């Protein structure tokens, strides 16, 4: 097999493209590891929003989460999944997703600032959560310790970083 000039050019192109992909993968991995330690997710507030009229055993809570960024570039929030605890008893799971919104329309995380976003979570009436249900219904949650534990997906222009959090209110 004889290497012609055309074959050498094609081989060089493939090697160049492979090198570019390897560099991009390495760079995005480094950026992901740089983003995570510079993001903080904090539980700001939990309150009853309403009880469902059609199903009185279903309560909607508003969970306010604050995302702070110490990263040097503007990032955006893609998604937050979390488990909610009241007095160390799991009361439900919540999610806040902005994935269906274009990247430029998502919640921005500017360097050195924080953004608070509301998330709606469902609480089903059961014997395990009856005490919390009553406190929320009476707007008497002063002695309730809330805790949110989960993962936030933070995006830059070229990568997505998962940020684990555990915050108590």
C-alpha atoms as a PDB file:
ATOM      1  CA  UNK A   1       0.000   0.000   0.000  1.00  0.00           C
ATOM      2  CA  UNK A   2       1.392   3.290  -1.090  1.00  0.00           C
ATOM      3  CA  UNK A   3       0.696   6.497   0.799  1.00  0.00           C
ATOM      4  CA  UNK A   4      -0.283   9.215  -1.575  1.00  0.00           C
ATOM      5  CA  UNK A   5      -0.440  12.885  -0.747  1.00  0.00           C
ATOM      6  CA  UNK A   6      -4.262  12.721  -0.507  1.00  0.00           C
ATOM      7  CA  UNK A   7      -4.143   9.820   1.973  1.00  0.00           C
ATOM      8  CA  UNK A   8      -1.588  11.653   4.119  1.00  0.00           C
ATOM      9  CA  UNK A   9      -3.821  14.750   4.194  1.00  0.00           C
ATOM     10  CA  UNK A  10      -6.881  12.691   5.182  1.00  0.00           C
ATOM     11  CA  UNK A  11      -4.925  10.904   7.929  1.00  0.00           C
ATOM     12  CA  UNK A  12      -3.650  14.273   9.226  1.00  0.00           C
ATOM     13  CA  UNK A  13      -7.214  15.635   9.288  1.00  0.00           C
ATOM     14  CA  UNK A  14      -8.480  12.636  11.294  1.00  0.00           C
ATOM     15  CA  UNK A  15      -5.569  12.907  13.743  1.00  0.00           C
ATOM     16  CA  UNK A  16      -6.237  16.657  14.139  1.00  0.00           C
ATOM     17  CA  UNK A  17      -9.953  16.144  14.758  1.00  0.00           C
ATOM     18  CA  UNK A  18      -9.189  13.416  17.325  1.00  0.00           C
ATOM     19  CA  UNK A  19      -6.727  15.744  19.092  1.00  0.00           C
ATOM     20  CA  UNK A  20      -9.317  18.547  19.181  1.00  0.00           C
ATOM     21  CA  UNK A  21     -11.943  16.213  20.698  1.00  0.00           C
ATOM     22  CA  UNK A  22      -9.465  14.929  23.292  1.00  0.00           C
ATOM     23  CA  UNK A  23      -8.551  18.502  24.249  1.00  0.00           C
ATOM     24  CA  UNK A  24     -12.201  19.539  24.489  1.00  0.00           C
ATOM     25  CA  UNK A  25     -13.050  16.575  26.719  1.00  0.00           C
ATOM     26  CA  UNK A  26     -10.092  17.347  28.972  1.00  0.00           C
ATOM     27  CA  UNK A  27     -10.993  21.049  29.151  1.00  0.00           C
ATOM     28  CA  UNK A  28     -14.659  20.419  30.009  1.00  0.00           C
ATOM     29  CA  UNK A  29     -13.635  17.952  32.729  1.00  0.00           C
ATOM     30  CA  UNK A  30     -11.339  20.561  34.269  1.00  0.00           C
ATOM     31  CA  UNK A  31     -14.062  23.199  34.080  1.00  0.00           C
ATOM     32  CA  UNK A  32     -16.616  20.904  35.765  1.00  0.00           C
ATOM     33  CA  UNK A  33     -14.212  20.317  38.656  1.00  0.00           C
ATOM     34  CA  UNK A  34     -13.682  24.091  38.939  1.00  0.00           C
ATOM     35  CA  UNK A  35     -17.407  24.967  38.970  1.00  0.00           C
ATOM     36  CA  UNK A  36     -18.664  22.633  41.728  1.00  0.00           C
ATOM     37  CA  UNK A  37     -16.662  24.052  44.679  1.00  0.00           C
ATOM     38  CA  UNK A  38     -17.689  27.602  43.738  1.00  0.00           C
ATOM     39  CA  UNK A  39     -21.459  27.030  43.883  1.00  0.00           C
ATOM     40  CA  UNK A  40     -23.508  26.931  47.097  1.00  0.00           C
ATOM     41  CA  UNK A  41     -27.176  25.920  47.311  1.00  0.00           C
ATOM     42  CA  UNK A  42     -28.979  27.057  50.463  1.00  0.00           C
ATOM     43  CA  UNK A  43     -32.496  26.379  51.723  1.00  0.00           C
ATOM     44  CA  UNK A  44     -34.038  29.827  52.302  1.00  0.00           C
ATOM     45  CA  UNK A  45     -37.700  29.206  53.210  1.00  0.00           C
ATOM     46  CA  UNK A  46     -40.447  26.559  53.319  1.00  0.00           C
ATOM     47  CA  UNK A  47     -44.105  27.486  53.567  1.00  0.00           C
ATOM     48  CA  UNK A  48     -47.517  26.117  52.720  1.00  0.00           C
ATOM     49  CA  UNK A  49     -48.810  27.403  49.427  1.00  0.00           C
ATOM     50  CA  UNK A  50     -52.222  25.736  49.332  1.00  0.00           C
ATOM     51  CA  UNK A  51     -54.221  22.559  49.920  1.00  0.00           C
ATOM     52  CA  UNK A  52     -55.648  20.986  46.784  1.00  0.00           C
ATOM     53  CA  UNK A  53     -59.398  21.557  46.486  1.00  0.00           C
ATOM     54  CA  UNK A  54     -60.007  18.279  44.657  1.00  0.00           C
ATOM     55  CA  UNK A  55     -57.803  16.224  46.958  1.00  0.00           C
ATOM     56  CA  UNK A  56     -57.698  17.556  50.550  1.00  0.00           C
ATOM     57  CA  UNK A  57     -54.938  15.056  51.366  1.00  0.00           C
ATOM     58  CA  UNK A  58     -52.526  16.912  49.079  1.00  0.00           C
ATOM     59  CA  UNK A  59     -50.695  20.059  50.156  1.00  0.00           C
ATOM     60  CA  UNK A  60     -48.426  22.187  47.976  1.00  0.00           C
ATOM     61  CA  UNK A  61     -45.340  23.704  49.599  1.00  0.00           C
ATOM     62  CA  UNK A  62     -43.196  26.502  48.295  1.00  0.00           C
ATOM     63  CA  UNK A  63     -39.518  25.752  48.813  1.00  0.00           C
ATOM     64  CA  UNK A  64     -37.183  28.701  48.197  1.00  0.00           C
ATOM     65  CA  UNK A  65     -33.636  27.736  47.245  1.00  0.00           C
ATOM     66  CA  UNK A  66     -30.788  30.237  46.978  1.00  0.00           C
ATOM     67  CA  UNK A  67     -27.897  29.507  44.604  1.00  0.00           C
ATOM     68  CA  UNK A  68     -24.687  31.499  45.193  1.00  0.00           C
ATOM     69  CA  UNK A  69     -21.787  31.651  42.769  1.00  0.00           C
ATOM     70  CA  UNK A  70     -18.156  32.492  43.495  1.00  0.00           C
ATOM     71  CA  UNK A  71     -17.137  31.351  39.993  1.00  0.00           C
ATOM     72  CA  UNK A  72     -15.433  33.875  37.710  1.00  0.00           C
ATOM     73  CA  UNK A  73     -17.897  33.474  34.819  1.00  0.00           C
ATOM     74  CA  UNK A  74     -21.669  33.709  34.489  1.00  0.00           C
ATOM     75  CA  UNK A  75     -23.327  30.298  34.768  1.00  0.00           C
ATOM     76  CA  UNK A  76     -26.943  29.130  34.535  1.00  0.00           C
ATOM     77  CA  UNK A  77     -29.066  26.749  36.556  1.00  0.00           C
ATOM     78  CA  UNK A  78     -30.448  23.815  34.622  1.00  0.00           C
ATOM     79  CA  UNK A  79     -32.119  21.632  37.243  1.00  0.00           C
ATOM     80  CA  UNK A  80     -32.337  20.937  40.974  1.00  0.00           C
ATOM     81  CA  UNK A  81     -33.562  17.636  42.436  1.00  0.00           C
ATOM     82  CA  UNK A  82     -33.852  17.395  46.203  1.00  0.00           C
ATOM     83  CA  UNK A  83     -35.309  15.475  49.126  1.00  0.00           C
ATOM     84  CA  UNK A  84     -36.996  17.495  51.858  1.00  0.00           C
ATOM     85  CA  UNK A  85     -36.802  16.605  55.541  1.00  0.00           C
ATOM     86  CA  UNK A  86     -38.749  18.080  58.461  1.00  0.00           C
ATOM     87  CA  UNK A  87     -37.244  17.350  61.879  1.00  0.00           C
ATOM     88  CA  UNK A  88     -35.074  14.722  60.141  1.00  0.00           C
ATOM     89  CA  UNK A  89     -38.093  12.853  58.757  1.00  0.00           C
ATOM     90  CA  UNK A  90     -38.348  12.695  54.973  1.00  0.00           C
ATOM     91  CA  UNK A  91     -41.537  14.434  53.867  1.00  0.00           C
ATOM     92  CA  UNK A  92     -41.118  14.401  50.098  1.00  0.00           C
ATOM     93  CA  UNK A  93     -39.077  15.056  46.998  1.00  0.00           C
ATOM     94  CA  UNK A  94     -38.977  18.166  44.894  1.00  0.00           C
ATOM     95  CA  UNK A  95     -37.610  19.243  41.569  1.00  0.00           C
ATOM     96  CA  UNK A  96     -37.051  22.526  39.798  1.00  0.00           C
ATOM     97  CA  UNK A  97     -36.272  22.145  36.112  1.00  0.00           C
ATOM     98  CA  UNK A  98     -35.392  24.871  33.639  1.00  0.00           C
ATOM     99  CA  UNK A  99     -34.193  22.411  31.001  1.00  0.00           C
ATOM    100  CA  UNK A 100     -37.013  23.219  28.573  1.00  0.00           C
ATOM    101  CA  UNK A 101     -35.973  26.904  28.538  1.00  0.00           C
ATOM    102  CA  UNK A 102     -33.184  27.933  26.125  1.00  0.00           C
ATOM    103  CA  UNK A 103     -29.797  28.443  27.792  1.00  0.00           C
ATOM    104  CA  UNK A 104     -30.001  32.236  27.440  1.00  0.00           C
ATOM    105  CA  UNK A 105     -33.377  32.350  29.241  1.00  0.00           C
ATOM    106  CA  UNK A 106     -32.469  30.290  32.300  1.00  0.00           C
ATOM    107  CA  UNK A 107     -31.756  31.671  35.763  1.00  0.00           C
ATOM    108  CA  UNK A 108     -28.326  33.331  35.566  1.00  0.00           C
ATOM    109  CA  UNK A 109     -25.734  32.889  38.282  1.00  0.00           C
ATOM    110  CA  UNK A 110     -23.561  35.984  38.134  1.00  0.00           C
ATOM    111  CA  UNK A 111     -20.095  35.980  39.738  1.00  0.00           C
ATOM    112  CA  UNK A 112     -20.225  36.980  43.399  1.00  0.00           C
ATOM    113  CA  UNK A 113     -24.015  37.013  43.672  1.00  0.00           C
ATOM    114  CA  UNK A 114     -26.916  34.770  44.603  1.00  0.00           C
ATOM    115  CA  UNK A 115     -30.257  33.957  43.004  1.00  0.00           C
ATOM    116  CA  UNK A 116     -33.300  32.696  44.939  1.00  0.00           C
ATOM    117  CA  UNK A 117     -35.734  30.476  43.061  1.00  0.00           C
ATOM    118  CA  UNK A 118     -39.070  29.067  44.240  1.00  0.00           C
ATOM    119  CA  UNK A 119     -39.838  25.380  43.806  1.00  0.00           C
ATOM    120  CA  UNK A 120     -43.200  23.746  44.366  1.00  0.00           C
ATOM    121  CA  UNK A 121     -43.279  20.447  46.226  1.00  0.00           C
ATOM    122  CA  UNK A 122     -46.205  18.150  47.053  1.00  0.00           C
ATOM    123  CA  UNK A 123     -46.810  16.851  50.542  1.00  0.00           C
ATOM    124  CA  UNK A 124     -49.232  13.947  50.885  1.00  0.00           C
ATOM    125  CA  UNK A 125     -51.134  13.584  54.151  1.00  0.00           C
ATOM    126  CA  UNK A 126     -50.095  10.425  55.979  1.00  0.00           C
ATOM    127  CA  UNK A 127     -49.574   9.323  59.584  1.00  0.00           C
ATOM    128  CA  UNK A 128     -45.799   9.863  59.171  1.00  0.00           C
ATOM    129  CA  UNK A 129     -46.180  13.561  58.291  1.00  0.00           C
ATOM    130  CA  UNK A 130     -49.312  14.407  60.293  1.00  0.00           C
ATOM    131  CA  UNK A 131     -47.469  16.550  62.843  1.00  0.00           C
ATOM    132  CA  UNK A 132     -45.784  18.594  60.093  1.00  0.00           C
ATOM    133  CA  UNK A 133     -49.073  18.795  58.157  1.00  0.00           C
ATOM    134  CA  UNK A 134     -50.816  20.331  61.187  1.00  0.00           C
ATOM    135  CA  UNK A 135     -48.005  22.808  61.810  1.00  0.00           C
ATOM    136  CA  UNK A 136     -48.027  23.926  58.171  1.00  0.00           C
ATOM    137  CA  UNK A 137     -51.823  24.203  58.176  1.00  0.00           C
ATOM    138  CA  UNK A 138     -51.684  26.448  61.248  1.00  0.00           C
ATOM    139  CA  UNK A 139     -48.685  28.410  59.939  1.00  0.00           C
ATOM    140  CA  UNK A 140     -46.776  27.417  63.083  1.00  0.00           C
ATOM    141  CA  UNK A 141     -43.455  26.039  61.865  1.00  0.00           C
ATOM    142  CA  UNK A 142     -41.091  27.838  64.245  1.00  0.00           C
ATOM    143  CA  UNK A 143     -39.951  24.617  65.912  1.00  0.00           C
ATOM    144  CA  UNK A 144     -39.585  22.689  62.622  1.00  0.00           C
ATOM    145  CA  UNK A 145     -36.068  22.139  61.339  1.00  0.00           C
ATOM    146  CA  UNK A 146     -36.135  21.878  57.565  1.00  0.00           C
ATOM    147  CA  UNK A 147     -33.369  20.219  55.548  1.00  0.00           C
ATOM    148  CA  UNK A 148     -32.969  19.895  51.795  1.00  0.00           C
ATOM    149  CA  UNK A 149     -30.468  17.471  50.297  1.00  0.00           C
ATOM    150  CA  UNK A 150     -29.920  17.051  46.592  1.00  0.00           C
ATOM    151  CA  UNK A 151     -28.099  17.851  43.364  1.00  0.00           C
ATOM    152  CA  UNK A 152     -28.088  21.003  41.249  1.00  0.00           C
ATOM    153  CA  UNK A 153     -27.032  20.940  37.595  1.00  0.00           C
ATOM    154  CA  UNK A 154     -25.083  24.074  36.708  1.00  0.00           C
ATOM    155  CA  UNK A 155     -24.174  24.859  33.102  1.00  0.00           C
ATOM    156  CA  UNK A 156     -21.478  26.948  31.518  1.00  0.00           C
ATOM    157  CA  UNK A 157     -21.185  27.524  27.791  1.00  0.00           C
ATOM    158  CA  UNK A 158     -19.548  24.139  27.235  1.00  0.00           C
ATOM    159  CA  UNK A 159     -20.096  21.923  30.269  1.00  0.00           C
ATOM    160  CA  UNK A 160     -22.573  20.739  32.894  1.00  0.00           C
ATOM    161  CA  UNK A 161     -21.481  20.278  36.509  1.00  0.00           C
ATOM    162  CA  UNK A 162     -23.415  18.425  39.214  1.00  0.00           C
ATOM    163  CA  UNK A 163     -23.270  20.212  42.568  1.00  0.00           C
ATOM    164  CA  UNK A 164     -24.323  18.236  45.651  1.00  0.00           C
ATOM    165  CA  UNK A 165     -25.866  20.176  48.515  1.00  0.00           C
ATOM    166  CA  UNK A 166     -27.228  19.659  52.012  1.00  0.00           C
ATOM    167  CA  UNK A 167     -28.774  22.715  53.653  1.00  0.00           C
ATOM    168  CA  UNK A 168     -30.658  23.175  56.919  1.00  0.00           C
ATOM    169  CA  UNK A 169     -33.095  25.928  57.815  1.00  0.00           C
END
